[in-house]
Every structure is written in structure tokens, then in C-alpha cells.
């Protein structure tokens, strides 16, 4: 990790996050959702994200003692959605991922539309004001068709997004407002399917994140309790058990996977400025 460049800050000019209106969503997390956080230094965020994505797509969840993100996007058609805090960060990050993925190769012989030829086994698309409406619509169509593996987007552009094949949500920049966290995490674990949410935190952000996360804990557990009561025999209704809050675990990327992604990251980083509009 010592080879990481100090100028890889991908979240310049972060925009203030605004709360989502009350009537737009329920203040509760999906019952099937699991959550974790990853803590790293600012300059390590891009490489750790690459390692996280590799483990989610190529990893085997059946292996013992694995982090919950490992293998969660390994099936064909599974998607990951990544949230960034601003349009600028979204565009920079999506361009970096597209370079790593092999989508922006200048040599056409090295670039192919075949999902198997991509590092992430599918396309990386951007959903933000930086891209045209036609490009966003095409990205959505390809997502439905199973051609997209990773979608990078802003909060505003993801409102109302309903793609059943999203299995992993990554908060590249953590939300500071509880309702925005619920909105992001709620893009997965729908229709009784499992889903996982990873929030990447810089040093010093953990306290603020857990304080924000605690604001929605009780509301989510009320939903869990309600579902359990529906399934519980009537004679057991008086014997209420105390609900245990879901645990937000800390996850890590294995060093060997960081080492695998390092040269791809270095190459993409060297080309990034040429591809930014």
C-alpha cells in the first residue's frame, strides 16, 4: 500500500447532503439486509474499493470465516451499486473503474463488449448529471438485461431506482443523514432476497457513522418484530423476546487481492486525467 499515490483524492468538492423528504420512503431497513464498515486511510480508499469489488464478484461465500461481502455478487446478473457524495466524485470514480475494467481501452483489440472480457465480468456505468439522459436510459436498459455489474451514482439520481438484481451497496462516501443511509441501503435486499451494504470510512469517521446509524436502529427493529409476530403462534404472543439489533461488522480486504488489483489501479490512475471531461 506504500505505493499508493497521494493525489488520488476522488471526492473533491463534495456537495452537502440533503435529507430525503418524509413522504418519499419508510424509515426502516430491509429485513434481509446485512451491513458492514471498512475503515482505511483516504489514499487507500480507491484500492480498497477495487479489492472489495473483486472479492464480491470473484469470491466464494461458501468458504468459512469470510466477510459478508465475499461472493455476494458472484452470480450472473448480480449488481453492485456505489454511492458517492457528489457529481464530481461519481464521475471520477466511475471513470477509474471503467479504466480498470477495460472499457476505455484505446486499443480496440483489447476492448470488447463481452462480459467475460471485463475485469468485473460486466460493465461499469455512471448515473449522474454528468452523463446525458440517453446514456442514463441505456445504462438502465443494460442493467435490466444483466449486462451491468457496477453502477456508480449520486443520491438524487438513485431515487426510485428498483433493480431486483442489486446484491451489494457500497457507500464510497458515507451518508451523514440517517434517511439517506436508509435510501441507499434499501436498493438491495428486496423481495425477500439477501443483500449487503458496505460503508467505507476514513480514519475518524467511525464515531459519526455509528451515531447516525443508531438513529434508524429502533425503527428497523420494529419492522423485524412486526414480521416475527405475524409468524408467531397466538399462544406465544404474550411471551415477547427482546429484539437484538443487527450488528454492523467491520470487514477487510485480503492483502493478496489488494496486490492483484494494485497494477490495474496504477495503470488506470495514470490514464485518469486523460479521460476526465
Protein backbone atom coordinates (compact mmCIF):
# COMPACT_ATOMS: atom_id res chain seq x y z
CA UNK A 1 0.00 0.00 0.00
CA UNK A 2 3.02 2.31 0.32
CA UNK A 3 3.00 2.69 -3.45
CA UNK A 4 -0.34 4.49 -3.34
CA UNK A 5 -0.19 8.00 -4.73
CA UNK A 6 -1.04 10.93 -2.51
CA UNK A 7 -3.02 12.66 -5.24
CA UNK A 8 -5.74 10.05 -5.62
CA UNK A 9 -8.40 12.02 -3.73
CA UNK A 10 -11.53 11.08 -5.69
CA UNK A 11 -14.02 13.06 -3.66
CA UNK A 12 -13.15 16.69 -4.30
CA UNK A 13 -15.81 19.38 -3.95
CA UNK A 14 -18.21 17.18 -2.01
CA UNK A 15 -21.72 18.59 -2.10
CA UNK A 16 -23.85 18.95 1.05
CA UNK A 17 -26.21 16.03 1.52
CA UNK A 18 -29.86 16.91 1.85
CA UNK A 19 -32.38 14.86 3.74
CA UNK A 20 -34.92 12.87 1.76
CA UNK A 21 -38.49 14.07 2.45
CA UNK A 22 -40.56 12.03 4.91
CA UNK A 23 -43.13 11.02 2.31
CA UNK A 24 -40.58 9.53 -0.08
CA UNK A 25 -39.62 6.47 1.92
CA UNK A 26 -40.14 4.42 5.04
CA UNK A 27 -37.72 4.96 7.88
CA UNK A 28 -36.62 1.32 8.11
CA UNK A 29 -34.03 -1.02 6.64
CA UNK A 30 -34.81 -4.22 4.70
CA UNK A 31 -35.12 -7.26 6.95
CA UNK A 32 -32.76 -9.37 4.82
CA UNK A 33 -30.03 -6.71 4.80
CA UNK A 34 -26.61 -7.30 6.35
CA UNK A 35 -24.19 -4.43 6.98
CA UNK A 36 -20.51 -3.80 7.49
CA UNK A 37 -17.97 -0.99 7.52
CA UNK A 38 -14.45 -0.80 6.15
CA UNK A 39 -12.04 1.66 7.74
CA UNK A 40 -8.99 2.89 5.83
CA UNK A 41 -6.90 5.96 5.10
CA UNK A 42 -8.08 8.39 2.44
CA UNK A 43 -5.38 7.45 -0.06
CA UNK A 44 -6.24 3.76 0.39
CA UNK A 45 -9.94 4.11 -0.46
CA UNK A 46 -9.76 3.51 -4.24
CA UNK A 47 -7.56 0.41 -3.98
CA UNK A 48 -9.61 -0.99 -1.09
CA UNK A 49 -12.75 -0.47 -3.17
CA UNK A 50 -11.19 -2.43 -6.04
CA UNK A 51 -10.26 -5.25 -3.69
CA UNK A 52 -13.76 -5.23 -2.21
CA UNK A 53 -15.35 -5.48 -5.66
CA UNK A 54 -13.02 -8.32 -6.67
CA UNK A 55 -13.93 -10.30 -3.56
CA UNK A 56 -17.65 -9.64 -4.03
CA UNK A 57 -17.59 -10.77 -7.66
CA UNK A 58 -14.92 -13.49 -7.68
CA UNK A 59 -15.04 -14.67 -4.06
CA UNK A 60 -16.58 -17.88 -2.76
CA UNK A 61 -19.08 -17.23 0.04
CA UNK A 62 -19.08 -20.93 0.94
CA UNK A 63 -15.59 -20.72 2.39
CA UNK A 64 -15.52 -20.48 6.21
CA UNK A 65 -14.77 -17.25 8.11
CA UNK A 66 -15.38 -15.00 5.13
CA UNK A 67 -16.53 -11.40 5.35
CA UNK A 68 -20.17 -10.99 4.36
CA UNK A 69 -19.37 -9.16 1.13
CA UNK A 70 -17.31 -12.05 -0.28
CA UNK A 71 -19.12 -13.71 -3.18
CA UNK A 72 -22.30 -11.67 -2.77
CA UNK A 73 -22.19 -10.62 -6.45
CA UNK A 74 -20.80 -13.84 -7.89
CA UNK A 75 -23.90 -14.96 -9.81
CA UNK A 76 -24.50 -13.87 -13.40
CA UNK A 77 -26.60 -10.71 -13.45
CA UNK A 78 -25.81 -9.68 -9.88
CA UNK A 79 -25.10 -5.98 -9.50
CA UNK A 80 -23.28 -3.63 -7.16
CA UNK A 81 -24.33 -0.01 -6.74
CA UNK A 82 -21.79 2.50 -5.43
CA UNK A 83 -22.82 5.83 -3.91
CA UNK A 84 -20.56 8.89 -3.93
CA UNK A 85 -21.19 12.25 -2.31
CA UNK A 86 -21.06 14.49 -5.39
CA UNK A 87 -21.33 14.51 -9.16
CA UNK A 88 -17.60 15.15 -9.44
CA UNK A 89 -16.69 12.16 -7.26
CA UNK A 90 -19.19 9.96 -9.10
CA UNK A 91 -17.68 10.82 -12.47
CA UNK A 92 -14.08 10.41 -11.33
CA UNK A 93 -14.78 7.11 -9.61
CA UNK A 94 -16.82 5.63 -12.45
CA UNK A 95 -14.11 6.61 -14.96
CA UNK A 96 -11.44 5.00 -12.80
CA UNK A 97 -13.48 1.79 -12.52
CA UNK A 98 -14.15 1.76 -16.26
CA UNK A 99 -10.42 2.05 -16.91
CA UNK A 100 -9.69 -0.82 -14.51
CA UNK A 101 -12.48 -2.81 -16.15
CA UNK A 102 -11.01 -2.42 -19.64
CA UNK A 103 -13.93 -0.43 -21.05
CA UNK A 104 -11.90 2.60 -22.14
CA UNK A 105 -9.01 0.83 -23.85
CA UNK A 106 -7.65 2.87 -26.75
CA UNK A 107 -6.60 -0.37 -28.45
CA UNK A 108 -9.85 -1.77 -29.85
CA UNK A 109 -8.33 -5.25 -29.96
CA UNK A 110 -8.17 -5.12 -26.16
CA UNK A 111 -11.69 -3.81 -25.73
CA UNK A 112 -14.75 -5.98 -26.16
CA UNK A 113 -18.42 -5.84 -25.30
CA UNK A 114 -18.29 -9.40 -23.98
CA UNK A 115 -18.89 -9.51 -20.22
CA UNK A 116 -16.29 -12.24 -19.84
CA UNK A 117 -13.59 -9.88 -21.15
CA UNK A 118 -14.17 -7.35 -18.39
CA UNK A 119 -12.30 -7.46 -15.09
CA UNK A 120 -15.60 -7.11 -13.22
CA UNK A 121 -17.42 -9.54 -15.56
CA UNK A 122 -19.80 -6.84 -16.72
CA UNK A 123 -19.99 -3.14 -17.49
CA UNK A 124 -19.41 -0.20 -15.17
CA UNK A 125 -21.93 2.61 -15.73
CA UNK A 126 -22.41 6.09 -14.31
CA UNK A 127 -25.76 7.57 -13.29
CA UNK A 128 -25.32 11.28 -12.63
CA UNK A 129 -25.94 14.70 -14.19
CA UNK A 130 -22.50 14.35 -15.80
CA UNK A 131 -23.90 11.92 -18.40
CA UNK A 132 -26.72 12.52 -20.85
CA UNK A 133 -30.28 11.35 -20.33
CA UNK A 134 -29.90 8.97 -23.27
CA UNK A 135 -26.78 7.44 -21.70
CA UNK A 136 -28.58 7.03 -18.37
CA UNK A 137 -31.51 5.34 -20.07
CA UNK A 138 -29.17 2.99 -21.92
CA UNK A 139 -27.41 2.17 -18.65
CA UNK A 140 -30.74 1.29 -17.06
CA UNK A 141 -31.73 -0.92 -20.01
CA UNK A 142 -28.42 -2.76 -19.87
CA UNK A 143 -28.80 -3.17 -16.11
CA UNK A 144 -32.17 -4.85 -16.61
CA UNK A 145 -30.62 -7.08 -19.30
CA UNK A 146 -27.88 -8.18 -16.89
CA UNK A 147 -25.02 -6.54 -18.80
CA UNK A 148 -24.07 -4.14 -16.00
CA UNK A 149 -22.10 -5.33 -12.99
CA UNK A 150 -21.35 -1.99 -11.28
CA UNK A 151 -23.37 1.22 -11.18
CA UNK A 152 -21.88 4.41 -9.70
CA UNK A 153 -24.40 7.08 -8.85
CA UNK A 154 -25.42 10.07 -6.75
CA UNK A 155 -28.24 10.08 -4.20
CA UNK A 156 -30.54 12.22 -6.33
CA UNK A 157 -30.21 10.04 -9.42
CA UNK A 158 -30.84 6.81 -7.50
CA UNK A 159 -34.18 7.86 -6.01
CA UNK A 160 -36.87 5.45 -7.11
CA UNK A 161 -34.29 3.03 -8.53
CA UNK A 162 -35.67 -0.50 -8.32
CA UNK A 163 -33.43 -3.22 -9.77
CA UNK A 164 -34.01 -6.62 -8.13
CA UNK A 165 -30.54 -7.89 -9.06
CA UNK A 166 -28.66 -5.39 -6.85
CA UNK A 167 -26.92 -7.53 -4.23
CA UNK A 168 -24.31 -5.12 -2.89
CA UNK A 169 -24.47 -1.45 -1.94
CA UNK A 170 -21.19 0.38 -1.32
CA UNK A 171 -21.12 3.79 0.32
CA UNK A 172 -17.83 5.09 -1.08
CA UNK A 173 -18.61 8.32 0.77
CA UNK A 174 -20.69 7.69 3.92
CA UNK A 175 -24.03 9.45 4.24
CA UNK A 176 -24.30 11.85 7.16
CA UNK A 177 -28.10 11.75 7.30
CA UNK A 178 -29.89 8.64 8.54
CA UNK A 179 -32.64 8.74 5.93
CA UNK A 180 -30.07 8.89 3.12
CA UNK A 181 -28.41 5.77 4.53
CA UNK A 182 -31.79 4.01 4.55
CA UNK A 183 -32.42 5.13 0.98
CA UNK A 184 -29.05 3.83 -0.22
CA UNK A 185 -29.06 0.53 1.68
CA UNK A 186 -32.66 -0.05 0.62
CA UNK A 187 -31.60 -0.51 -3.01
CA UNK A 188 -30.74 -4.13 -2.10
CA UNK A 189 -32.28 -6.95 -0.03
CA UNK A 190 -35.65 -6.54 -1.73
CA UNK A 191 -38.40 -9.10 -2.30
CA UNK A 192 -37.02 -11.48 0.35
CA UNK A 193 -33.61 -11.62 -1.34
CA UNK A 194 -30.42 -11.19 0.63
CA UNK A 195 -28.30 -8.08 0.23
CA UNK A 196 -25.29 -6.46 1.82
CA UNK A 197 -24.25 -2.85 2.42
CA UNK A 198 -20.62 -1.80 2.98
CA UNK A 199 -19.74 1.71 4.11
CA UNK A 200 -16.15 2.83 3.56
CA UNK A 201 -14.99 5.12 6.37
CA UNK A 202 -11.89 7.25 6.63
CA UNK A 203 -9.99 7.45 9.91
CA UNK A 204 -12.08 9.45 12.35
CA UNK A 205 -15.46 8.89 10.68
CA UNK A 206 -16.50 5.79 12.61
CA UNK A 207 -17.99 7.61 15.62
CA UNK A 208 -20.13 9.87 13.46
CA UNK A 209 -21.28 6.96 11.29
CA UNK A 210 -22.37 4.77 14.21
CA UNK A 211 -24.14 7.75 15.79
CA UNK A 212 -26.06 8.28 12.56
CA UNK A 213 -26.72 4.54 12.17
CA UNK A 214 -28.16 4.37 15.72
CA UNK A 215 -30.92 6.78 14.71
CA UNK A 216 -32.52 4.17 12.47
CA UNK A 217 -31.82 1.09 14.59
CA UNK A 218 -35.07 1.18 16.54
CA UNK A 219 -37.28 1.81 13.54
CA UNK A 220 -35.77 -1.12 11.65
CA UNK A 221 -36.16 -3.46 14.61
CA UNK A 222 -39.83 -2.53 14.90
CA UNK A 223 -40.32 -3.87 11.37
CA UNK A 224 -38.45 -7.08 12.23
CA UNK A 225 -40.54 -7.53 15.36
CA UNK A 226 -43.76 -7.00 13.40
CA UNK A 227 -42.79 -9.66 10.85
CA UNK A 228 -41.92 -12.11 13.62
CA UNK A 229 -45.24 -11.51 15.36
CA UNK A 230 -47.09 -12.36 12.14
CA UNK A 231 -45.39 -15.78 12.05
CA UNK A 232 -45.58 -16.47 15.79
CA UNK A 233 -48.35 -18.78 17.13
CA UNK A 234 -51.04 -16.88 19.03
CA UNK A 235 -50.25 -18.63 22.33
CA UNK A 236 -46.69 -17.29 22.19
CA UNK A 237 -47.67 -13.63 21.70
CA UNK A 238 -47.56 -12.86 25.41
CA UNK A 239 -44.04 -14.22 25.74
CA UNK A 240 -42.21 -11.42 23.96
CA UNK A 241 -38.47 -11.73 23.44
CA UNK A 242 -36.16 -8.74 23.43
CA UNK A 243 -35.16 -7.85 19.89
CA UNK A 244 -31.42 -7.90 19.20
CA UNK A 245 -30.19 -5.11 16.97
CA UNK A 246 -28.41 -6.29 13.80
CA UNK A 247 -24.66 -5.99 14.08
CA UNK A 248 -22.62 -3.77 11.78
CA UNK A 249 -19.42 -5.74 11.37
CA UNK A 250 -16.01 -4.49 10.30
CA UNK A 251 -14.80 -6.05 7.06
CA UNK A 252 -11.39 -6.22 5.46
CA UNK A 253 -9.97 -6.98 2.02
CA UNK A 254 -7.34 -9.67 1.93
CA UNK A 255 -3.86 -8.43 1.10
CA UNK A 256 -3.41 -10.84 -1.80
CA UNK A 257 -6.45 -9.32 -3.53
CA UNK A 258 -5.10 -5.80 -2.97
CA UNK A 259 -1.85 -6.94 -4.55
CA UNK A 260 -3.74 -8.34 -7.55
CA UNK A 261 -5.63 -5.08 -8.08
CA UNK A 262 -2.62 -2.79 -7.46
CA UNK A 263 -1.15 -2.85 -11.02
CA UNK A 264 -4.61 -2.40 -12.56
CA UNK A 265 -5.18 0.55 -10.25
CA UNK A 266 -1.79 2.10 -11.04
CA UNK A 267 -2.41 1.80 -14.78
CA UNK A 268 -5.91 3.27 -14.54
CA UNK A 269 -4.69 6.11 -12.35
CA UNK A 270 -2.02 7.08 -14.88
CA UNK A 271 -4.72 7.41 -17.57
CA UNK A 272 -7.44 9.02 -15.45
CA UNK A 273 -6.71 12.66 -16.25
CA UNK A 274 -6.85 11.96 -20.00
CA UNK A 275 -10.39 10.54 -19.76
CA UNK A 276 -11.99 13.08 -17.43
CA UNK A 277 -14.20 15.58 -19.23
